[in-house]
Amino acid sequence: IRPEGGTDMKAGLDAAFNMLLKFIKSTKRDNFDDYEHRVIFMTDAMPNTGGGSDDIAASGREMAEKNIFVTYIGIGLNFQASVIEEITQMKGANYYSIKAAADFNKILCEDFEYM
């Protein structure tokens, strides 16, 4: 990951999806379909390059069909909740908003099991 002056949420989500699928296939376990898998996606939710909300939601739906779900963690005071609310309207998707370091610690340490 390199800073390049833009937020391409779809490219990031697709990369996470492909990395997780590659890992699942490499383990050669027969029971991966018995479990739900989750990508934790941290973002400011300000996509300004690549696909828009519809494309991001389509990627999420494709992932959900394979029991891979997304938790979006919105970071910052300018986090665009309206974008995340739109793309989490599917099975298994949810989001949290973080405005301070203590929020991040609480979500990852105390609320992790509920993602």
N, C-alpha and C. Protein backbone atom coordinates (compact mmCIF):
# COMPACT_ATOMS: atom_id res chain seq x y z
N ILE A 1 0.85 -1.17 0.00
CA ILE A 1 0.00 0.00 0.00
C ILE A 1 0.90 1.23 0.00
N ARG A 2 0.59 2.15 -0.91
CA ARG A 2 1.36 3.39 -1.01
C ARG A 2 0.40 4.57 -1.11
N PRO A 3 0.72 5.67 -0.45
CA PRO A 3 -0.12 6.86 -0.62
C PRO A 3 0.06 7.42 -2.02
N GLU A 4 -1.04 7.63 -2.70
CA GLU A 4 -0.97 8.17 -4.06
C GLU A 4 -1.94 9.31 -4.27
N GLY A 5 -2.50 9.85 -3.18
CA GLY A 5 -3.36 11.01 -3.30
C GLY A 5 -4.81 10.71 -3.63
N GLY A 6 -5.26 9.50 -3.42
CA GLY A 6 -6.64 9.17 -3.72
C GLY A 6 -7.12 8.00 -2.88
N THR A 7 -8.43 7.80 -2.91
CA THR A 7 -9.04 6.68 -2.19
C THR A 7 -9.81 5.84 -3.20
N ASP A 8 -9.27 4.68 -3.53
CA ASP A 8 -9.94 3.74 -4.42
C ASP A 8 -10.40 2.57 -3.58
N MET A 9 -11.57 2.73 -2.97
CA MET A 9 -12.08 1.71 -2.06
C MET A 9 -12.31 0.39 -2.76
N LYS A 10 -12.79 0.43 -3.99
CA LYS A 10 -13.07 -0.81 -4.71
C LYS A 10 -11.78 -1.60 -4.93
N ALA A 11 -10.71 -0.94 -5.35
CA ALA A 11 -9.44 -1.64 -5.55
C ALA A 11 -8.93 -2.24 -4.25
N GLY A 12 -9.07 -1.52 -3.15
CA GLY A 12 -8.64 -2.03 -1.85
C GLY A 12 -9.47 -3.22 -1.41
N LEU A 13 -10.77 -3.13 -1.60
CA LEU A 13 -11.66 -4.22 -1.23
C LEU A 13 -11.39 -5.45 -2.08
N ASP A 14 -11.22 -5.26 -3.38
CA ASP A 14 -10.92 -6.38 -4.27
C ASP A 14 -9.58 -7.03 -3.91
N ALA A 15 -8.58 -6.23 -3.54
CA ALA A 15 -7.28 -6.77 -3.15
C ALA A 15 -7.42 -7.61 -1.88
N ALA A 16 -8.18 -7.12 -0.91
CA ALA A 16 -8.40 -7.88 0.33
C ALA A 16 -9.12 -9.19 0.04
N PHE A 17 -10.13 -9.13 -0.80
CA PHE A 17 -10.90 -10.31 -1.19
C PHE A 17 -9.98 -11.36 -1.83
N ASN A 18 -9.16 -10.92 -2.78
CA ASN A 18 -8.26 -11.85 -3.47
C ASN A 18 -7.20 -12.42 -2.54
N MET A 19 -6.69 -11.61 -1.61
CA MET A 19 -5.71 -12.10 -0.65
C MET A 19 -6.33 -13.16 0.26
N LEU A 20 -7.55 -12.92 0.72
CA LEU A 20 -8.21 -13.88 1.60
C LEU A 20 -8.54 -15.16 0.85
N LEU A 21 -9.04 -15.05 -0.39
CA LEU A 21 -9.32 -16.25 -1.18
C LEU A 21 -8.05 -17.07 -1.41
N LYS A 22 -6.95 -16.40 -1.70
CA LYS A 22 -5.68 -17.09 -1.91
C LYS A 22 -5.27 -17.83 -0.64
N PHE A 23 -5.42 -17.19 0.51
CA PHE A 23 -5.09 -17.83 1.77
C PHE A 23 -5.98 -19.05 2.01
N ILE A 24 -7.28 -18.89 1.80
CA ILE A 24 -8.21 -20.00 2.02
C ILE A 24 -7.84 -21.19 1.14
N LYS A 25 -7.56 -20.93 -0.12
CA LYS A 25 -7.19 -22.02 -1.05
C LYS A 25 -5.86 -22.66 -0.66
N SER A 26 -4.93 -21.88 -0.13
CA SER A 26 -3.61 -22.41 0.21
C SER A 26 -3.64 -23.33 1.42
N THR A 27 -4.63 -23.19 2.27
CA THR A 27 -4.69 -24.02 3.47
C THR A 27 -5.18 -25.43 3.17
N LYS A 28 -5.88 -25.60 2.05
CA LYS A 28 -6.37 -26.90 1.61
C LYS A 28 -7.22 -27.60 2.67
N ARG A 29 -7.95 -26.82 3.44
CA ARG A 29 -8.86 -27.40 4.43
C ARG A 29 -10.22 -27.56 3.78
N ASP A 30 -10.89 -28.63 4.09
CA ASP A 30 -12.19 -28.93 3.50
C ASP A 30 -13.34 -28.15 4.13
N ASN A 31 -13.15 -27.63 5.31
CA ASN A 31 -14.29 -27.07 6.04
C ASN A 31 -14.35 -25.54 6.04
N PHE A 32 -13.63 -24.87 5.16
CA PHE A 32 -13.68 -23.41 5.15
C PHE A 32 -15.07 -22.88 4.82
N ASP A 33 -15.85 -23.63 4.08
CA ASP A 33 -17.21 -23.19 3.78
C ASP A 33 -18.12 -23.24 4.99
N ASP A 34 -17.69 -23.93 6.04
CA ASP A 34 -18.48 -24.02 7.26
C ASP A 34 -18.35 -22.77 8.13
N TYR A 35 -17.47 -21.87 7.76
CA TYR A 35 -17.18 -20.68 8.56
C TYR A 35 -17.44 -19.41 7.76
N GLU A 36 -17.72 -18.36 8.50
CA GLU A 36 -17.77 -17.04 7.90
C GLU A 36 -16.39 -16.42 8.02
N HIS A 37 -15.99 -15.70 7.00
CA HIS A 37 -14.70 -15.02 7.00
C HIS A 37 -14.97 -13.53 6.92
N ARG A 38 -14.07 -12.74 7.46
CA ARG A 38 -14.33 -11.31 7.53
C ARG A 38 -13.10 -10.51 7.15
N VAL A 39 -13.33 -9.51 6.31
CA VAL A 39 -12.32 -8.51 5.98
C VAL A 39 -12.64 -7.29 6.84
N ILE A 40 -11.63 -6.76 7.51
CA ILE A 40 -11.78 -5.52 8.26
C ILE A 40 -11.14 -4.43 7.42
N PHE A 41 -11.96 -3.49 6.99
CA PHE A 41 -11.57 -2.49 5.99
C PHE A 41 -11.60 -1.11 6.63
N MET A 42 -10.43 -0.52 6.83
CA MET A 42 -10.34 0.81 7.44
C MET A 42 -10.31 1.87 6.35
N THR A 43 -11.14 2.90 6.52
CA THR A 43 -11.28 3.89 5.45
C THR A 43 -11.80 5.22 5.98
N ASP A 44 -11.58 6.28 5.19
CA ASP A 44 -12.23 7.56 5.47
C ASP A 44 -13.56 7.64 4.72
N ALA A 45 -13.83 6.61 3.91
CA ALA A 45 -15.08 6.50 3.13
C ALA A 45 -15.28 7.69 2.20
N MET A 46 -14.20 8.12 1.60
CA MET A 46 -14.26 9.20 0.62
C MET A 46 -13.68 8.70 -0.70
N PRO A 47 -14.37 7.77 -1.37
CA PRO A 47 -13.82 7.27 -2.63
C PRO A 47 -13.79 8.37 -3.69
N ASN A 48 -12.59 8.63 -4.21
CA ASN A 48 -12.48 9.67 -5.23
C ASN A 48 -11.77 9.19 -6.49
N THR A 49 -11.42 7.92 -6.52
CA THR A 49 -10.90 7.29 -7.73
C THR A 49 -11.48 5.89 -7.80
N GLY A 50 -11.39 5.26 -8.95
CA GLY A 50 -11.90 3.90 -9.09
C GLY A 50 -13.41 3.86 -9.04
N GLY A 51 -13.96 2.75 -8.59
CA GLY A 51 -15.40 2.56 -8.56
C GLY A 51 -16.10 3.35 -7.48
N GLY A 52 -17.36 3.65 -7.71
CA GLY A 52 -18.18 4.35 -6.73
C GLY A 52 -18.92 3.38 -5.83
N SER A 53 -19.90 3.89 -5.10
CA SER A 53 -20.64 3.10 -4.12
C SER A 53 -21.26 1.85 -4.73
N ASP A 54 -21.83 1.96 -5.94
CA ASP A 54 -22.46 0.79 -6.56
C ASP A 54 -21.43 -0.30 -6.85
N ASP A 55 -20.25 0.07 -7.32
CA ASP A 55 -19.20 -0.91 -7.61
C ASP A 55 -18.66 -1.55 -6.33
N ILE A 56 -18.52 -0.73 -5.30
CA ILE A 56 -18.03 -1.24 -4.01
C ILE A 56 -19.05 -2.21 -3.44
N ALA A 57 -20.32 -1.86 -3.49
CA ALA A 57 -21.38 -2.74 -3.00
C ALA A 57 -21.41 -4.05 -3.79
N ALA A 58 -21.20 -3.98 -5.10
CA ALA A 58 -21.19 -5.20 -5.93
C ALA A 58 -20.05 -6.13 -5.50
N SER A 59 -18.89 -5.57 -5.19
CA SER A 59 -17.78 -6.38 -4.69
C SER A 59 -18.14 -7.03 -3.37
N GLY A 60 -18.79 -6.29 -2.49
CA GLY A 60 -19.22 -6.83 -1.20
C GLY A 60 -20.21 -7.97 -1.36
N ARG A 61 -21.14 -7.82 -2.31
CA ARG A 61 -22.11 -8.90 -2.56
C ARG A 61 -21.43 -10.14 -3.10
N GLU A 62 -20.46 -9.96 -3.99
CA GLU A 62 -19.71 -11.09 -4.53
C GLU A 62 -18.98 -11.82 -3.41
N MET A 63 -18.38 -11.05 -2.49
CA MET A 63 -17.69 -11.65 -1.36
C MET A 63 -18.66 -12.41 -0.46
N ALA A 64 -19.83 -11.81 -0.19
CA ALA A 64 -20.81 -12.43 0.70
C ALA A 64 -21.29 -13.78 0.16
N GLU A 65 -21.34 -13.91 -1.16
CA GLU A 65 -21.73 -15.20 -1.75
C GLU A 65 -20.73 -16.30 -1.41
N LYS A 66 -19.51 -15.93 -1.05
CA LYS A 66 -18.47 -16.89 -0.70
C LYS A 66 -18.22 -16.92 0.81
N ASN A 67 -19.19 -16.44 1.60
CA ASN A 67 -19.07 -16.38 3.06
C ASN A 67 -17.92 -15.51 3.53
N ILE A 68 -17.62 -14.47 2.76
CA ILE A 68 -16.62 -13.48 3.17
C ILE A 68 -17.37 -12.15 3.32
N PHE A 69 -17.34 -11.63 4.54
CA PHE A 69 -18.10 -10.43 4.86
C PHE A 69 -17.16 -9.28 5.22
N VAL A 70 -17.70 -8.08 5.21
CA VAL A 70 -16.86 -6.90 5.41
C VAL A 70 -17.35 -6.10 6.62
N THR A 71 -16.41 -5.75 7.48
CA THR A 71 -16.63 -4.76 8.52
C THR A 71 -15.81 -3.54 8.12
N TYR A 72 -16.49 -2.43 7.92
CA TYR A 72 -15.82 -1.18 7.58
C TYR A 72 -15.60 -0.41 8.87
N ILE A 73 -14.40 0.10 9.04
CA ILE A 73 -14.08 0.96 10.17
C ILE A 73 -13.78 2.33 9.60
N GLY A 74 -14.69 3.24 9.85
CA GLY A 74 -14.55 4.61 9.37
C GLY A 74 -13.68 5.40 10.30
N ILE A 75 -12.67 6.04 9.75
CA ILE A 75 -11.69 6.75 10.56
C ILE A 75 -11.75 8.24 10.28
N GLY A 76 -11.77 9.02 11.36
CA GLY A 76 -11.66 10.46 11.23
C GLY A 76 -12.96 11.21 11.43
N LEU A 77 -12.82 12.50 11.66
CA LEU A 77 -13.97 13.35 11.89
C LEU A 77 -14.77 13.58 10.62
N ASN A 78 -14.12 13.45 9.47
CA ASN A 78 -14.80 13.68 8.19
C ASN A 78 -15.27 12.40 7.53
N PHE A 79 -15.30 11.31 8.28
CA PHE A 79 -15.76 10.02 7.78
C PHE A 79 -17.14 10.16 7.15
N GLN A 80 -17.29 9.67 5.93
CA GLN A 80 -18.54 9.79 5.18
C GLN A 80 -19.46 8.60 5.47
N ALA A 81 -20.21 8.68 6.56
CA ALA A 81 -21.09 7.58 6.98
C ALA A 81 -22.13 7.25 5.93
N SER A 82 -22.59 8.23 5.16
CA SER A 82 -23.62 7.97 4.16
C SER A 82 -23.14 6.97 3.10
N VAL A 83 -21.86 7.04 2.73
CA VAL A 83 -21.30 6.09 1.77
C VAL A 83 -21.31 4.69 2.37
N ILE A 84 -20.85 4.57 3.61
CA ILE A 84 -20.76 3.26 4.26
C ILE A 84 -22.16 2.69 4.50
N GLU A 85 -23.10 3.53 4.90
CA GLU A 85 -24.46 3.04 5.11
C GLU A 85 -25.02 2.44 3.82
N GLU A 86 -24.69 3.04 2.71
CA GLU A 86 -25.17 2.54 1.41
C GLU A 86 -24.54 1.19 1.06
N ILE A 87 -23.24 1.02 1.31
CA ILE A 87 -22.56 -0.20 0.88
C ILE A 87 -22.62 -1.32 1.90
N THR A 88 -23.23 -1.08 3.05
CA THR A 88 -23.37 -2.15 4.05
C THR A 88 -24.78 -2.71 4.10
N GLN A 89 -25.60 -2.41 3.12
CA GLN A 89 -26.97 -2.92 3.08
C GLN A 89 -27.00 -4.31 2.45
N MET A 90 -26.24 -5.24 3.05
CA MET A 90 -26.20 -6.61 2.55
C MET A 90 -25.86 -7.55 3.69
N LYS A 91 -26.06 -8.81 3.47
CA LYS A 91 -25.80 -9.83 4.48
C LYS A 91 -24.36 -9.74 4.98
N GLY A 92 -24.23 -9.70 6.30
CA GLY A 92 -22.93 -9.80 6.93
C GLY A 92 -22.08 -8.55 6.98
N ALA A 93 -22.52 -7.46 6.35
CA ALA A 93 -21.73 -6.24 6.35
C ALA A 93 -22.13 -5.35 7.53
N ASN A 94 -21.16 -4.65 8.08
CA ASN A 94 -21.44 -3.69 9.15
C ASN A 94 -20.33 -2.64 9.18
N TYR A 95 -20.52 -1.66 10.05
CA TYR A 95 -19.46 -0.64 10.16
C TYR A 95 -19.43 -0.02 11.54
N TYR A 96 -18.27 0.53 11.85
CA TYR A 96 -18.02 1.27 13.08
C TYR A 96 -17.38 2.60 12.68
N SER A 97 -17.54 3.58 13.52
CA SER A 97 -16.93 4.88 13.28
C SER A 97 -15.95 5.17 14.41
N ILE A 98 -14.75 5.61 14.03
CA ILE A 98 -13.71 5.91 15.01
C ILE A 98 -13.32 7.38 14.88
N LYS A 99 -13.43 8.07 16.00
CA LYS A 99 -13.05 9.48 16.01
C LYS A 99 -11.85 9.74 16.93
N ALA A 100 -11.49 8.74 17.74
CA ALA A 100 -10.38 8.88 18.67
C ALA A 100 -9.70 7.52 18.86
N ALA A 101 -8.46 7.54 19.32
CA ALA A 101 -7.69 6.30 19.51
C ALA A 101 -8.40 5.35 20.47
N ALA A 102 -9.06 5.88 21.48
CA ALA A 102 -9.77 5.03 22.44
C ALA A 102 -10.90 4.25 21.77
N ASP A 103 -11.55 4.87 20.77
CA ASP A 103 -12.60 4.16 20.02
C ASP A 103 -12.02 2.95 19.29
N PHE A 104 -10.87 3.14 18.68
CA PHE A 104 -10.22 2.07 17.93
C PHE A 104 -9.88 0.91 18.87
N ASN A 105 -9.31 1.23 20.00
CA ASN A 105 -8.94 0.21 20.99
C ASN A 105 -10.18 -0.56 21.45
N LYS A 106 -11.26 0.15 21.72
CA LYS A 106 -12.49 -0.51 22.18
C LYS A 106 -13.04 -1.46 21.12
N ILE A 107 -13.08 -1.02 19.89
CA ILE A 107 -13.64 -1.85 18.82
C ILE A 107 -12.80 -3.12 18.62
N LEU A 108 -11.49 -2.96 18.54
CA LEU A 108 -10.65 -4.13 18.27
C LEU A 108 -10.44 -5.02 19.48
N CYS A 109 -10.48 -4.47 20.67
CA CYS A 109 -10.23 -5.28 21.86
C CYS A 109 -11.53 -5.78 22.53
N GLU A 110 -12.50 -4.94 22.64
CA GLU A 110 -13.72 -5.30 23.38
C GLU A 110 -14.85 -5.79 22.48
N ASP A 111 -14.98 -5.22 21.30
CA ASP A 111 -16.12 -5.53 20.43
C ASP A 111 -15.78 -6.47 19.28
N PHE A 112 -14.56 -6.99 19.24
CA PHE A 112 -14.11 -7.78 18.09
C PHE A 112 -15.03 -8.96 17.80
N GLU A 113 -15.48 -9.64 18.83
CA GLU A 113 -16.32 -10.84 18.64
C GLU A 113 -17.66 -10.51 17.99
N TYR A 114 -18.08 -9.25 18.02
CA TYR A 114 -19.38 -8.87 17.49
C TYR A 114 -19.30 -8.34 16.06
N MET A 115 -18.11 -8.30 15.49
CA MET A 115 -17.96 -7.82 14.13
C MET A 115 -18.62 -8.78 13.24
